[in-house]
């Protein structure tokens, strides 16, 4: 019934210009305008392997209370250090035992969280 090879995820941001700068410059991801949808402000974060995340503008955006995007990393300590050096604050949750960097290391994967400028929660995962 569904063609999972063409499935994709999306989430909203209030300002795609700010989102573009954060995802491109702070996180180092490839962010492009969606062809033919430039006036609508649609962006795509290219995750490789013909997969992307659609970002769309929603002026009355309210961030979700859950993780909207997980990014796999080979070295979570290096990734956290890189983000903190770029001004990103790691989130702390009372329900988890997090170390001084904000990383949960009980079991696998190791995980840490932060938000984008719109308040969307993003996870870092190291298998």
PDB file of N, CA and C in Angstrom:
ATOM      1  N   UNK A   1       0.811  -1.186   0.000  1.00  0.00           N
ATOM      2  CA  UNK A   1       0.000   0.000   0.000  1.00  0.00           C
ATOM      3  C   UNK A   1       0.870   1.272   0.000  1.00  0.00           C
ATOM      4  N   UNK A   2       1.919   1.308   0.823  1.00  0.00           N
ATOM      5  CA  UNK A   2       2.786   2.484   0.892  1.00  0.00           C
ATOM      6  C   UNK A   2       4.136   2.158   0.273  1.00  0.00           C
ATOM      7  N   UNK A   3       4.724   3.143  -0.364  1.00  0.00           N
ATOM      8  CA  UNK A   3       6.048   2.987  -0.943  1.00  0.00           C
ATOM      9  C   UNK A   3       7.051   3.580   0.041  1.00  0.00           C
ATOM     10  N   UNK A   4       7.597   2.731   0.899  1.00  0.00           N
ATOM     11  CA  UNK A   4       8.495   3.211   1.944  1.00  0.00           C
ATOM     12  C   UNK A   4       9.800   3.770   1.384  1.00  0.00           C
ATOM     13  N   UNK A   5      10.129   3.467   0.136  1.00  0.00           N
ATOM     14  CA  UNK A   5      11.348   4.003  -0.440  1.00  0.00           C
ATOM     15  C   UNK A   5      11.232   5.500  -0.720  1.00  0.00           C
ATOM     16  N   UNK A   6      10.000   6.031  -0.711  1.00  0.00           N
ATOM     17  CA  UNK A   6       9.801   7.459  -0.938  1.00  0.00           C
ATOM     18  C   UNK A   6       9.270   8.169   0.307  1.00  0.00           C
ATOM     19  N   UNK A   7       9.236   7.488   1.426  1.00  0.00           N
ATOM     20  CA  UNK A   7       8.759   8.093   2.668  1.00  0.00           C
ATOM     21  C   UNK A   7       9.791   9.089   3.180  1.00  0.00           C
ATOM     22  N   UNK A   8       9.327  10.103   3.891  1.00  0.00           N
ATOM     23  CA  UNK A   8      10.235  11.082   4.473  1.00  0.00           C
ATOM     24  C   UNK A   8       9.591  11.680   5.713  1.00  0.00           C
ATOM     25  N   UNK A   9      10.427  12.273   6.550  1.00  0.00           N
ATOM     26  CA  UNK A   9       9.954  12.909   7.764  1.00  0.00           C
ATOM     27  C   UNK A   9       9.992  14.425   7.582  1.00  0.00           C
ATOM     28  N   UNK A  10       9.229  15.116   8.423  1.00  0.00           N
ATOM     29  CA  UNK A  10       9.228  16.571   8.374  1.00  0.00           C
ATOM     30  C   UNK A  10       8.905  17.125   9.753  1.00  0.00           C
ATOM     31  N   UNK A  11       9.303  18.365   9.959  1.00  0.00           N
ATOM     32  CA  UNK A  11       8.881  19.085  11.150  1.00  0.00           C
ATOM     33  C   UNK A  11       8.934  20.576  10.871  1.00  0.00           C
ATOM     34  N   UNK A  12       8.251  21.334  11.720  1.00  0.00           N
ATOM     35  CA  UNK A  12       8.090  22.767  11.511  1.00  0.00           C
ATOM     36  C   UNK A  12       9.129  23.572  12.277  1.00  0.00           C
ATOM     37  N   UNK A  13       9.368  24.765  11.755  1.00  0.00           N
ATOM     38  CA  UNK A  13      10.178  25.788  12.413  1.00  0.00           C
ATOM     39  C   UNK A  13       9.489  27.123  12.147  1.00  0.00           C
ATOM     40  N   UNK A  14       9.648  28.094  13.043  1.00  0.00           N
ATOM     41  CA  UNK A  14       9.001  29.379  12.784  1.00  0.00           C
ATOM     42  C   UNK A  14       9.713  30.216  11.727  1.00  0.00           C
ATOM     43  N   UNK A  15      11.012  29.977  11.539  1.00  0.00           N
ATOM     44  CA  UNK A  15      11.808  30.801  10.633  1.00  0.00           C
ATOM     45  C   UNK A  15      12.812  29.895   9.916  1.00  0.00           C
ATOM     46  N   UNK A  16      12.595  29.677   8.618  1.00  0.00           N
ATOM     47  CA  UNK A  16      13.481  28.763   7.897  1.00  0.00           C
ATOM     48  C   UNK A  16      14.870  29.359   7.675  1.00  0.00           C
ATOM     49  N   UNK A  17      15.005  30.672   7.678  1.00  0.00           N
ATOM     50  CA  UNK A  17      16.332  31.275   7.560  1.00  0.00           C
ATOM     51  C   UNK A  17      17.201  30.948   8.755  1.00  0.00           C
ATOM     52  N   UNK A  18      16.623  31.065   9.941  1.00  0.00           N
ATOM     53  CA  UNK A  18      17.340  30.716  11.168  1.00  0.00           C
ATOM     54  C   UNK A  18      17.639  29.221  11.190  1.00  0.00           C
ATOM     55  N   UNK A  19      16.662  28.421  10.773  1.00  0.00           N
ATOM     56  CA  UNK A  19      16.856  26.968  10.741  1.00  0.00           C
ATOM     57  C   UNK A  19      17.963  26.589   9.766  1.00  0.00           C
ATOM     58  N   UNK A  20      17.965  27.218   8.589  1.00  0.00           N
ATOM     59  CA  UNK A  20      19.008  26.926   7.598  1.00  0.00           C
ATOM     60  C   UNK A  20      20.391  27.192   8.197  1.00  0.00           C
ATOM     61  N   UNK A  21      20.560  28.335   8.823  1.00  0.00           N
ATOM     62  CA  UNK A  21      21.856  28.693   9.402  1.00  0.00           C
ATOM     63  C   UNK A  21      22.265  27.705  10.486  1.00  0.00           C
ATOM     64  N   UNK A  22      21.332  27.318  11.349  1.00  0.00           N
ATOM     65  CA  UNK A  22      21.660  26.399  12.439  1.00  0.00           C
ATOM     66  C   UNK A  22      22.032  25.022  11.904  1.00  0.00           C
ATOM     67  N   UNK A  23      21.191  24.442  11.073  1.00  0.00           N
ATOM     68  CA  UNK A  23      21.443  23.085  10.592  1.00  0.00           C
ATOM     69  C   UNK A  23      22.667  23.028   9.673  1.00  0.00           C
ATOM     70  N   UNK A  24      22.891  24.080   8.902  1.00  0.00           N
ATOM     71  CA  UNK A  24      24.050  24.119   7.995  1.00  0.00           C
ATOM     72  C   UNK A  24      25.321  24.516   8.740  1.00  0.00           C
ATOM     73  N   UNK A  25      25.293  25.665   9.413  1.00  0.00           N
ATOM     74  CA  UNK A  25      26.517  26.229   9.984  1.00  0.00           C
ATOM     75  C   UNK A  25      26.887  25.636  11.333  1.00  0.00           C
ATOM     76  N   UNK A  26      25.918  25.398  12.187  1.00  0.00           N
ATOM     77  CA  UNK A  26      26.205  24.859  13.516  1.00  0.00           C
ATOM     78  C   UNK A  26      26.363  23.343  13.484  1.00  0.00           C
ATOM     79  N   UNK A  27      25.438  22.660  12.800  1.00  0.00           N
ATOM     80  CA  UNK A  27      25.497  21.195  12.770  1.00  0.00           C
ATOM     81  C   UNK A  27      26.302  20.648  11.598  1.00  0.00           C
ATOM     82  N   UNK A  28      26.544  21.454  10.579  1.00  0.00           N
ATOM     83  CA  UNK A  28      27.339  21.001   9.443  1.00  0.00           C
ATOM     84  C   UNK A  28      26.596  20.112   8.472  1.00  0.00           C
ATOM     85  N   UNK A  29      25.271  20.187   8.472  1.00  0.00           N
ATOM     86  CA  UNK A  29      24.478  19.369   7.558  1.00  0.00           C
ATOM     87  C   UNK A  29      24.238  20.111   6.245  1.00  0.00           C
ATOM     88  N   UNK A  30      23.974  19.358   5.201  1.00  0.00           N
ATOM     89  CA  UNK A  30      23.658  19.942   3.904  1.00  0.00           C
ATOM     90  C   UNK A  30      22.180  20.336   3.895  1.00  0.00           C
ATOM     91  N   UNK A  31      21.908  21.627   3.755  1.00  0.00           N
ATOM     92  CA  UNK A  31      20.538  22.137   3.747  1.00  0.00           C
ATOM     93  C   UNK A  31      20.309  22.873   2.443  1.00  0.00           C
ATOM     94  N   UNK A  32      19.242  22.518   1.751  1.00  0.00           N
ATOM     95  CA  UNK A  32      18.937  23.116   0.450  1.00  0.00           C
ATOM     96  C   UNK A  32      17.474  23.547   0.401  1.00  0.00           C
ATOM     97  N   UNK A  33      17.187  24.522  -0.470  1.00  0.00           N
ATOM     98  CA  UNK A  33      15.796  24.845  -0.775  1.00  0.00           C
ATOM     99  C   UNK A  33      15.184  23.656  -1.494  1.00  0.00           C
ATOM    100  N   UNK A  34      13.893  23.426  -1.282  1.00  0.00           N
ATOM    101  CA  UNK A  34      13.195  22.396  -2.041  1.00  0.00           C
ATOM    102  C   UNK A  34      12.894  22.991  -3.413  1.00  0.00           C
ATOM    103  N   UNK A  35      13.391  22.362  -4.479  1.00  0.00           N
ATOM    104  CA  UNK A  35      13.190  22.925  -5.825  1.00  0.00           C
ATOM    105  C   UNK A  35      11.712  23.192  -6.109  1.00  0.00           C
ATOM    106  N   UNK A  36      11.455  24.399  -6.599  1.00  0.00           N
ATOM    107  CA  UNK A  36      10.094  24.787  -6.929  1.00  0.00           C
ATOM    108  C   UNK A  36       9.281  25.279  -5.750  1.00  0.00           C
ATOM    109  N   UNK A  37       9.847  25.177  -4.549  1.00  0.00           N
ATOM    110  CA  UNK A  37       9.112  25.578  -3.343  1.00  0.00           C
ATOM    111  C   UNK A  37       9.851  26.675  -2.573  1.00  0.00           C
ATOM    112  N   UNK A  38      10.754  27.381  -3.244  1.00  0.00           N
ATOM    113  CA  UNK A  38      11.554  28.407  -2.590  1.00  0.00           C
ATOM    114  C   UNK A  38      10.686  29.499  -1.971  1.00  0.00           C
ATOM    115  N   UNK A  39       9.657  29.939  -2.691  1.00  0.00           N
ATOM    116  CA  UNK A  39       8.787  31.001  -2.167  1.00  0.00           C
ATOM    117  C   UNK A  39       8.020  30.552  -0.929  1.00  0.00           C
ATOM    118  N   UNK A  40       7.740  29.268  -0.828  1.00  0.00           N
ATOM    119  CA  UNK A  40       7.034  28.733   0.341  1.00  0.00           C
ATOM    120  C   UNK A  40       7.972  28.552   1.525  1.00  0.00           C
ATOM    121  N   UNK A  41       9.285  28.649   1.278  1.00  0.00           N
ATOM    122  CA  UNK A  41      10.257  28.539   2.358  1.00  0.00           C
ATOM    123  C   UNK A  41      10.590  27.124   2.775  1.00  0.00           C
ATOM    124  N   UNK A  42      10.263  26.146   1.960  1.00  0.00           N
ATOM    125  CA  UNK A  42      10.547  24.752   2.315  1.00  0.00           C
ATOM    126  C   UNK A  42      12.027  24.441   2.151  1.00  0.00           C
ATOM    127  N   UNK A  43      12.579  23.757   3.143  1.00  0.00           N
ATOM    128  CA  UNK A  43      13.974  23.344   3.134  1.00  0.00           C
ATOM    129  C   UNK A  43      14.059  21.838   3.269  1.00  0.00           C
ATOM    130  N   UNK A  44      15.157  21.281   2.789  1.00  0.00           N
ATOM    131  CA  UNK A  44      15.428  19.865   2.998  1.00  0.00           C
ATOM    132  C   UNK A  44      16.817  19.705   3.595  1.00  0.00           C
ATOM    133  N   UNK A  45      16.879  18.939   4.682  1.00  0.00           N
ATOM    134  CA  UNK A  45      18.156  18.532   5.244  1.00  0.00           C
ATOM    135  C   UNK A  45      18.499  17.212   4.575  1.00  0.00           C
ATOM    136  N   UNK A  46      19.584  17.200   3.827  1.00  0.00           N
ATOM    137  CA  UNK A  46      20.007  16.003   3.108  1.00  0.00           C
ATOM    138  C   UNK A  46      20.765  15.096   4.071  1.00  0.00           C
ATOM    139  N   UNK A  47      20.237  13.923   4.314  1.00  0.00           N
ATOM    140  CA  UNK A  47      20.875  12.959   5.209  1.00  0.00           C
ATOM    141  C   UNK A  47      21.617  11.875   4.437  1.00  0.00           C
ATOM    142  N   UNK A  48      21.710  12.021   3.140  1.00  0.00           N
ATOM    143  CA  UNK A  48      22.389  11.025   2.314  1.00  0.00           C
ATOM    144  C   UNK A  48      21.477   9.849   2.015  1.00  0.00           C
ATOM    145  N   UNK A  49      21.960   8.920   1.210  1.00  0.00           N
ATOM    146  CA  UNK A  49      21.203   7.717   0.849  1.00  0.00           C
ATOM    147  C   UNK A  49      19.808   8.055   0.346  1.00  0.00           C
ATOM    148  N   UNK A  50      19.696   9.161  -0.394  1.00  0.00           N
ATOM    149  CA  UNK A  50      18.406   9.606  -0.942  1.00  0.00           C
ATOM    150  C   UNK A  50      17.363   9.850   0.138  1.00  0.00           C
ATOM    151  N   UNK A  51      17.791  10.205   1.319  1.00  0.00           N
ATOM    152  CA  UNK A  51      16.877  10.494   2.426  1.00  0.00           C
ATOM    153  C   UNK A  51      17.059  11.925   2.878  1.00  0.00           C
ATOM    154  N   UNK A  52      15.970  12.555   3.217  1.00  0.00           N
ATOM    155  CA  UNK A  52      16.036  13.919   3.707  1.00  0.00           C
ATOM    156  C   UNK A  52      14.923  14.198   4.691  1.00  0.00           C
ATOM    157  N   UNK A  53      15.069  15.296   5.386  1.00  0.00           N
ATOM    158  CA  UNK A  53      14.065  15.761   6.331  1.00  0.00           C
ATOM    159  C   UNK A  53      13.544  17.082   5.783  1.00  0.00           C
ATOM    160  N   UNK A  54      12.247  17.214   5.668  1.00  0.00           N
ATOM    161  CA  UNK A  54      11.635  18.440   5.194  1.00  0.00           C
ATOM    162  C   UNK A  54      11.397  19.374   6.372  1.00  0.00           C
ATOM    163  N   UNK A  55      11.860  20.616   6.247  1.00  0.00           N
ATOM    164  CA  UNK A  55      11.565  21.658   7.227  1.00  0.00           C
ATOM    165  C   UNK A  55      10.612  22.635   6.574  1.00  0.00           C
ATOM    166  N   UNK A  56       9.546  22.952   7.274  1.00  0.00           N
ATOM    167  CA  UNK A  56       8.576  23.880   6.695  1.00  0.00           C
ATOM    168  C   UNK A  56       8.270  24.996   7.693  1.00  0.00           C
ATOM    169  N   UNK A  57       8.007  26.193   7.177  1.00  0.00           N
ATOM    170  CA  UNK A  57       7.740  27.315   8.068  1.00  0.00           C
ATOM    171  C   UNK A  57       6.331  27.247   8.647  1.00  0.00           C
ATOM    172  N   UNK A  58       6.256  27.549   9.927  1.00  0.00           N
ATOM    173  CA  UNK A  58       4.968  27.618  10.613  1.00  0.00           C
ATOM    174  C   UNK A  58       5.098  28.747  11.634  1.00  0.00           C
ATOM    175  N   UNK A  59       4.626  29.933  11.295  1.00  0.00           N
ATOM    176  CA  UNK A  59       4.837  31.098  12.166  1.00  0.00           C
ATOM    177  C   UNK A  59       4.364  30.912  13.606  1.00  0.00           C
ATOM    178  N   UNK A  60       3.315  30.133  13.822  1.00  0.00           N
ATOM    179  CA  UNK A  60       2.827  29.900  15.187  1.00  0.00           C
ATOM    180  C   UNK A  60       3.351  28.582  15.751  1.00  0.00           C
ATOM    181  N   UNK A  61       4.516  28.183  15.292  1.00  0.00           N
ATOM    182  CA  UNK A  61       5.155  26.926  15.692  1.00  0.00           C
ATOM    183  C   UNK A  61       5.253  26.793  17.211  1.00  0.00           C
ATOM    184  N   UNK A  62       4.948  25.615  17.685  1.00  0.00           N
ATOM    185  CA  UNK A  62       5.197  25.218  19.064  1.00  0.00           C
ATOM    186  C   UNK A  62       6.022  23.953  19.004  1.00  0.00           C
ATOM    187  N   UNK A  63       7.183  23.950  19.645  1.00  0.00           N
ATOM    188  CA  UNK A  63       8.032  22.752  19.552  1.00  0.00           C
ATOM    189  C   UNK A  63       7.372  21.552  20.222  1.00  0.00           C
ATOM    190  N   UNK A  64       7.655  20.396  19.675  1.00  0.00           N
ATOM    191  CA  UNK A  64       7.159  19.145  20.248  1.00  0.00           C
ATOM    192  C   UNK A  64       7.842  18.898  21.591  1.00  0.00           C
ATOM    193  N   UNK A  65       7.235  18.075  22.401  1.00  0.00           N
ATOM    194  CA  UNK A  65       7.803  17.722  23.707  1.00  0.00           C
ATOM    195  C   UNK A  65       8.553  16.393  23.626  1.00  0.00           C
ATOM    196  N   UNK A  66       8.965  16.048  22.425  1.00  0.00           N
ATOM    197  CA  UNK A  66       9.687  14.804  22.189  1.00  0.00           C
ATOM    198  C   UNK A  66      10.759  15.061  21.136  1.00  0.00           C
ATOM    199  N   UNK A  67      11.646  14.102  20.951  1.00  0.00           N
ATOM    200  CA  UNK A  67      12.719  14.209  19.976  1.00  0.00           C
ATOM    201  C   UNK A  67      12.151  14.113  18.565  1.00  0.00           C
ATOM    202  N   UNK A  68      12.475  15.101  17.729  1.00  0.00           N
ATOM    203  CA  UNK A  68      11.978  15.098  16.350  1.00  0.00           C
ATOM    204  C   UNK A  68      13.019  14.570  15.364  1.00  0.00           C
ATOM    205  N   UNK A  69      14.284  14.540  15.783  1.00  0.00           N
ATOM    206  CA  UNK A  69      15.352  14.103  14.887  1.00  0.00           C
ATOM    207  C   UNK A  69      16.463  13.484  15.722  1.00  0.00           C
ATOM    208  N   UNK A  70      16.951  12.338  15.309  1.00  0.00           N
ATOM    209  CA  UNK A  70      18.109  11.700  15.938  1.00  0.00           C
ATOM    210  C   UNK A  70      19.238  11.658  14.929  1.00  0.00           C
ATOM    211  N   UNK A  71      20.411  12.090  15.365  1.00  0.00           N
ATOM    212  CA  UNK A  71      21.587  12.079  14.510  1.00  0.00           C
ATOM    213  C   UNK A  71      22.596  11.081  15.071  1.00  0.00           C
ATOM    214  N   UNK A  72      22.976  10.120  14.249  1.00  0.00           N
ATOM    215  CA  UNK A  72      23.961   9.124  14.658  1.00  0.00           C
ATOM    216  C   UNK A  72      25.357   9.736  14.566  1.00  0.00           C
ATOM    217  N   UNK A  73      26.157   9.462  15.584  1.00  0.00           N
ATOM    218  CA  UNK A  73      27.540   9.947  15.617  1.00  0.00           C
ATOM    219  C   UNK A  73      28.463   8.791  15.990  1.00  0.00           C
ATOM    220  N   UNK A  74      29.705   8.864  15.536  1.00  0.00           N
ATOM    221  CA  UNK A  74      30.683   7.838  15.878  1.00  0.00           C
ATOM    222  C   UNK A  74      31.284   8.072  17.257  1.00  0.00           C
ATOM    223  N   UNK A  75      31.377   9.341  17.653  1.00  0.00           N
ATOM    224  CA  UNK A  75      32.001   9.710  18.920  1.00  0.00           C
ATOM    225  C   UNK A  75      31.142  10.779  19.588  1.00  0.00           C
ATOM    226  N   UNK A  76      30.314  10.371  20.530  1.00  0.00           N
ATOM    227  CA  UNK A  76      29.372  11.303  21.145  1.00  0.00           C
ATOM    228  C   UNK A  76      30.082  12.395  21.939  1.00  0.00           C
ATOM    229  N   UNK A  77      31.218  12.064  22.551  1.00  0.00           N
ATOM    230  CA  UNK A  77      31.959  13.086  23.298  1.00  0.00           C
ATOM    231  C   UNK A  77      32.452  14.190  22.371  1.00  0.00           C
ATOM    232  N   UNK A  78      33.008  13.812  21.238  1.00  0.00           N
ATOM    233  CA  UNK A  78      33.493  14.805  20.276  1.00  0.00           C
ATOM    234  C   UNK A  78      32.334  15.627  19.721  1.00  0.00           C
ATOM    235  N   UNK A  79      31.201  14.978  19.457  1.00  0.00           N
ATOM    236  CA  UNK A  79      30.032  15.691  18.931  1.00  0.00           C
ATOM    237  C   UNK A  79      29.493  16.696  19.951  1.00  0.00           C
ATOM    238  N   UNK A  80      29.376  16.274  21.215  1.00  0.00           N
ATOM    239  CA  UNK A  80      28.904  17.182  22.265  1.00  0.00           C
ATOM    240  C   UNK A  80      29.880  18.344  22.417  1.00  0.00           C
ATOM    241  N   UNK A  81      31.172  18.064  22.476  1.00  0.00           N
ATOM    242  CA  UNK A  81      32.169  19.124  22.614  1.00  0.00           C
ATOM    243  C   UNK A  81      32.070  20.123  21.460  1.00  0.00           C
ATOM    244  N   UNK A  82      31.914  19.612  20.250  1.00  0.00           N
ATOM    245  CA  UNK A  82      31.799  20.467  19.065  1.00  0.00           C
ATOM    246  C   UNK A  82      30.581  21.386  19.187  1.00  0.00           C
ATOM    247  N   UNK A  83      29.456  20.819  19.580  1.00  0.00           N
ATOM    248  CA  UNK A  83      28.234  21.617  19.699  1.00  0.00           C
ATOM    249  C   UNK A  83      28.347  22.659  20.804  1.00  0.00           C
ATOM    250  N   UNK A  84      28.879  22.253  21.942  1.00  0.00           N
ATOM    251  CA  UNK A  84      29.043  23.191  23.061  1.00  0.00           C
ATOM    252  C   UNK A  84      29.981  24.332  22.650  1.00  0.00           C
ATOM    253  N   UNK A  85      31.046  24.011  21.917  1.00  0.00           N
ATOM    254  CA  UNK A  85      31.960  25.044  21.419  1.00  0.00           C
ATOM    255  C   UNK A  85      31.251  26.025  20.488  1.00  0.00           C
ATOM    256  N   UNK A  86      30.160  25.571  19.852  1.00  0.00           N
ATOM    257  CA  UNK A  86      29.397  26.425  18.946  1.00  0.00           C
ATOM    258  C   UNK A  86      28.204  27.083  19.639  1.00  0.00           C
ATOM    259  N   UNK A  87      28.153  26.971  20.967  1.00  0.00           N
ATOM    260  CA  UNK A  87      27.123  27.672  21.724  1.00  0.00           C
ATOM    261  C   UNK A  87      25.855  26.893  21.995  1.00  0.00           C
ATOM    262  N   UNK A  88      25.840  25.609  21.668  1.00  0.00           N
ATOM    263  CA  UNK A  88      24.659  24.778  21.901  1.00  0.00           C
ATOM    264  C   UNK A  88      24.705  24.244  23.323  1.00  0.00           C
ATOM    265  N   UNK A  89      23.575  24.287  24.018  1.00  0.00           N
ATOM    266  CA  UNK A  89      23.469  23.733  25.372  1.00  0.00           C
ATOM    267  C   UNK A  89      22.817  22.358  25.314  1.00  0.00           C
ATOM    268  N   UNK A  90      23.397  21.425  26.030  1.00  0.00           N
ATOM    269  CA  UNK A  90      22.818  20.087  26.087  1.00  0.00           C
ATOM    270  C   UNK A  90      21.683  20.096  27.107  1.00  0.00           C
ATOM    271  N   UNK A  91      20.652  19.328  26.816  1.00  0.00           N
ATOM    272  CA  UNK A  91      19.496  19.240  27.705  1.00  0.00           C
ATOM    273  C   UNK A  91      19.759  18.256  28.825  1.00  0.00           C
ATOM    274  N   UNK A  92      19.085  18.466  29.924  1.00  0.00           N
ATOM    275  CA  UNK A  92      19.142  17.567  31.085  1.00  0.00           C
ATOM    276  C   UNK A  92      17.723  17.112  31.397  1.00  0.00           C
ATOM    277  N   UNK A  93      17.579  15.834  31.634  1.00  0.00           N
ATOM    278  CA  UNK A  93      16.282  15.263  31.989  1.00  0.00           C
ATOM    279  C   UNK A  93      16.417  14.528  33.316  1.00  0.00           C
ATOM    280  N   UNK A  94      15.526  14.816  34.244  1.00  0.00           N
ATOM    281  CA  UNK A  94      15.565  14.184  35.575  1.00  0.00           C
ATOM    282  C   UNK A  94      15.417  12.666  35.496  1.00  0.00           C
ATOM    283  N   UNK A  95      14.730  12.186  34.486  1.00  0.00           N
ATOM    284  CA  UNK A  95      14.458  10.755  34.382  1.00  0.00           C
ATOM    285  C   UNK A  95      15.683   9.943  33.957  1.00  0.00           C
ATOM    286  N   UNK A  96      16.767  10.623  33.532  1.00  0.00           N
ATOM    287  CA  UNK A  96      17.948   9.922  33.054  1.00  0.00           C
ATOM    288  C   UNK A  96      19.170  10.275  33.885  1.00  0.00           C
ATOM    289  N   UNK A  97      20.064   9.310  34.024  1.00  0.00           N
ATOM    290  CA  UNK A  97      21.341   9.540  34.688  1.00  0.00           C
ATOM    291  C   UNK A  97      22.326  10.013  33.628  1.00  0.00           C
ATOM    292  N   UNK A  98      22.544  11.339  33.568  1.00  0.00           N
ATOM    293  CA  UNK A  98      23.426  11.930  32.573  1.00  0.00           C
ATOM    294  C   UNK A  98      24.723  12.376  33.235  1.00  0.00           C
ATOM    295  N   UNK A  99      25.821  12.237  32.497  1.00  0.00           N
ATOM    296  CA  UNK A  99      27.115  12.659  33.030  1.00  0.00           C
ATOM    297  C   UNK A  99      27.274  14.171  32.904  1.00  0.00           C
ATOM    298  N   UNK A 100      28.471  14.673  33.204  1.00  0.00           N
ATOM    299  CA  UNK A 100      28.723  16.116  33.198  1.00  0.00           C
ATOM    300  C   UNK A 100      28.521  16.743  31.820  1.00  0.00           C
ATOM    301  N   UNK A 101      28.620  15.934  30.753  1.00  0.00           N
ATOM    302  CA  UNK A 101      28.396  16.447  29.401  1.00  0.00           C
ATOM    303  C   UNK A 101      26.934  16.363  28.979  1.00  0.00           C
ATOM    304  N   UNK A 102      26.117  15.691  29.790  1.00  0.00           N
ATOM    305  CA  UNK A 102      24.715  15.500  29.431  1.00  0.00           C
ATOM    306  C   UNK A 102      24.455  14.212  28.684  1.00  0.00           C
ATOM    307  N   UNK A 103      25.408  13.294  28.716  1.00  0.00           N
ATOM    308  CA  UNK A 103      25.296  12.033  27.976  1.00  0.00           C
ATOM    309  C   UNK A 103      24.791  10.929  28.891  1.00  0.00           C
ATOM    310  N   UNK A 104      23.820  10.163  28.397  1.00  0.00           N
ATOM    311  CA  UNK A 104      23.352   8.960  29.077  1.00  0.00           C
ATOM    312  C   UNK A 104      24.215   7.812  28.574  1.00  0.00           C
ATOM    313  N   UNK A 105      24.901   7.139  29.502  1.00  0.00           N
ATOM    314  CA  UNK A 105      25.835   6.080  29.111  1.00  0.00           C
ATOM    315  C   UNK A 105      25.431   4.706  29.630  1.00  0.00           C
ATOM    316  N   UNK A 106      24.243   4.594  30.190  1.00  0.00           N
ATOM    317  CA  UNK A 106      23.773   3.291  30.669  1.00  0.00           C
ATOM    318  C   UNK A 106      23.246   2.510  29.482  1.00  0.00           C
ATOM    319  N   UNK A 107      23.932   1.442  29.150  1.00  0.00           N
ATOM    320  CA  UNK A 107      23.541   0.643  27.994  1.00  0.00           C
ATOM    321  C   UNK A 107      23.910   1.350  26.706  1.00  0.00           C
ATOM    322  N   UNK A 108      23.400   0.833  25.632  1.00  0.00           N
ATOM    323  CA  UNK A 108      23.640   1.419  24.310  1.00  0.00           C
ATOM    324  C   UNK A 108      22.297   1.652  23.655  1.00  0.00           C
ATOM    325  N   UNK A 109      22.123   2.656  22.854  1.00  0.00           N
ATOM    326  CA  UNK A 109      23.142   3.610  22.481  1.00  0.00           C
ATOM    327  C   UNK A 109      23.358   4.659  23.570  1.00  0.00           C
ATOM    328  N   UNK A 110      24.526   5.309  23.528  1.00  0.00           N
ATOM    329  CA  UNK A 110      24.727   6.507  24.325  1.00  0.00           C
ATOM    330  C   UNK A 110      23.882   7.591  23.671  1.00  0.00           C
ATOM    331  N   UNK A 111      23.331   8.481  24.485  1.00  0.00           N
ATOM    332  CA  UNK A 111      22.451   9.509  23.918  1.00  0.00           C
ATOM    333  C   UNK A 111      22.598  10.819  24.678  1.00  0.00           C
ATOM    334  N   UNK A 112      22.454  11.905  23.944  1.00  0.00           N
ATOM    335  CA  UNK A 112      22.419  13.254  24.508  1.00  0.00           C
ATOM    336  C   UNK A 112      21.432  14.059  23.664  1.00  0.00           C
ATOM    337  N   UNK A 113      20.881  15.117  24.253  1.00  0.00           N
ATOM    338  CA  UNK A 113      19.879  15.911  23.554  1.00  0.00           C
ATOM    339  C   UNK A 113      20.197  17.397  23.619  1.00  0.00           C
ATOM    340  N   UNK A 114      19.719  18.111  22.612  1.00  0.00           N
ATOM    341  CA  UNK A 114      19.789  19.564  22.566  1.00  0.00           C
ATOM    342  C   UNK A 114      18.612  20.055  21.733  1.00  0.00           C
ATOM    343  N   UNK A 115      18.427  21.368  21.675  1.00  0.00           N
ATOM    344  CA  UNK A 115      17.346  21.906  20.855  1.00  0.00           C
ATOM    345  C   UNK A 115      17.911  22.780  19.745  1.00  0.00           C
ATOM    346  N   UNK A 116      17.129  22.875  18.673  1.00  0.00           N
ATOM    347  CA  UNK A 116      17.453  23.841  17.628  1.00  0.00           C
ATOM    348  C   UNK A 116      16.897  25.197  18.061  1.00  0.00           C
ATOM    349  N   UNK A 117      17.128  26.266  17.309  1.00  0.00           N
ATOM    350  CA  UNK A 117      16.642  27.580  17.723  1.00  0.00           C
ATOM    351  C   UNK A 117      15.123  27.669  17.880  1.00  0.00           C
ATOM    352  N   UNK A 118      14.386  26.752  17.263  1.00  0.00           N
ATOM    353  CA  UNK A 118      12.927  26.744  17.372  1.00  0.00           C
ATOM    354  C   UNK A 118      12.439  25.946  18.580  1.00  0.00           C
ATOM    355  N   UNK A 119      13.361  25.321  19.308  1.00  0.00           N
ATOM    356  CA  UNK A 119      12.980  24.510  20.457  1.00  0.00           C
ATOM    357  C   UNK A 119      12.721  23.052  20.132  1.00  0.00           C
ATOM    358  N   UNK A 120      12.932  22.639  18.885  1.00  0.00           N
ATOM    359  CA  UNK A 120      12.773  21.236  18.504  1.00  0.00           C
ATOM    360  C   UNK A 120      13.904  20.425  19.129  1.00  0.00           C
ATOM    361  N   UNK A 121      13.557  19.292  19.736  1.00  0.00           N
ATOM    362  CA  UNK A 121      14.558  18.453  20.411  1.00  0.00           C
ATOM    363  C   UNK A 121      15.235  17.534  19.391  1.00  0.00           C
ATOM    364  N   UNK A 122      16.566  17.520  19.472  1.00  0.00           N
ATOM    365  CA  UNK A 122      17.382  16.695  18.591  1.00  0.00           C
ATOM    366  C   UNK A 122      18.242  15.799  19.467  1.00  0.00           C
ATOM    367  N   UNK A 123      18.330  14.543  19.099  1.00  0.00           N
ATOM    368  CA  UNK A 123      19.148  13.595  19.839  1.00  0.00           C
ATOM    369  C   UNK A 123      20.428  13.256  19.105  1.00  0.00           C
ATOM    370  N   UNK A 124      21.478  13.029  19.869  1.00  0.00           N
ATOM    371  CA  UNK A 124      22.723  12.464  19.348  1.00  0.00           C
ATOM    372  C   UNK A 124      22.795  11.042  19.856  1.00  0.00           C
ATOM    373  N   UNK A 125      23.071  10.100  18.987  1.00  0.00           N
ATOM    374  CA  UNK A 125      23.130   8.692  19.365  1.00  0.00           C
ATOM    375  C   UNK A 125      24.451   8.082  18.922  1.00  0.00           C
ATOM    376  N   UNK A 126      25.114   7.396  19.834  1.00  0.00           N
ATOM    377  CA  UNK A 126      26.308   6.625  19.495  1.00  0.00           C
ATOM    378  C   UNK A 126      26.025   5.179  19.822  1.00  0.00           C
ATOM    379  N   UNK A 127      26.067   4.324  18.795  1.00  0.00           N
ATOM    380  CA  UNK A 127      25.830   2.890  18.994  1.00  0.00           C
ATOM    381  C   UNK A 127      26.955   2.270  19.790  1.00  0.00           C
TER     382      UNK A 127
END
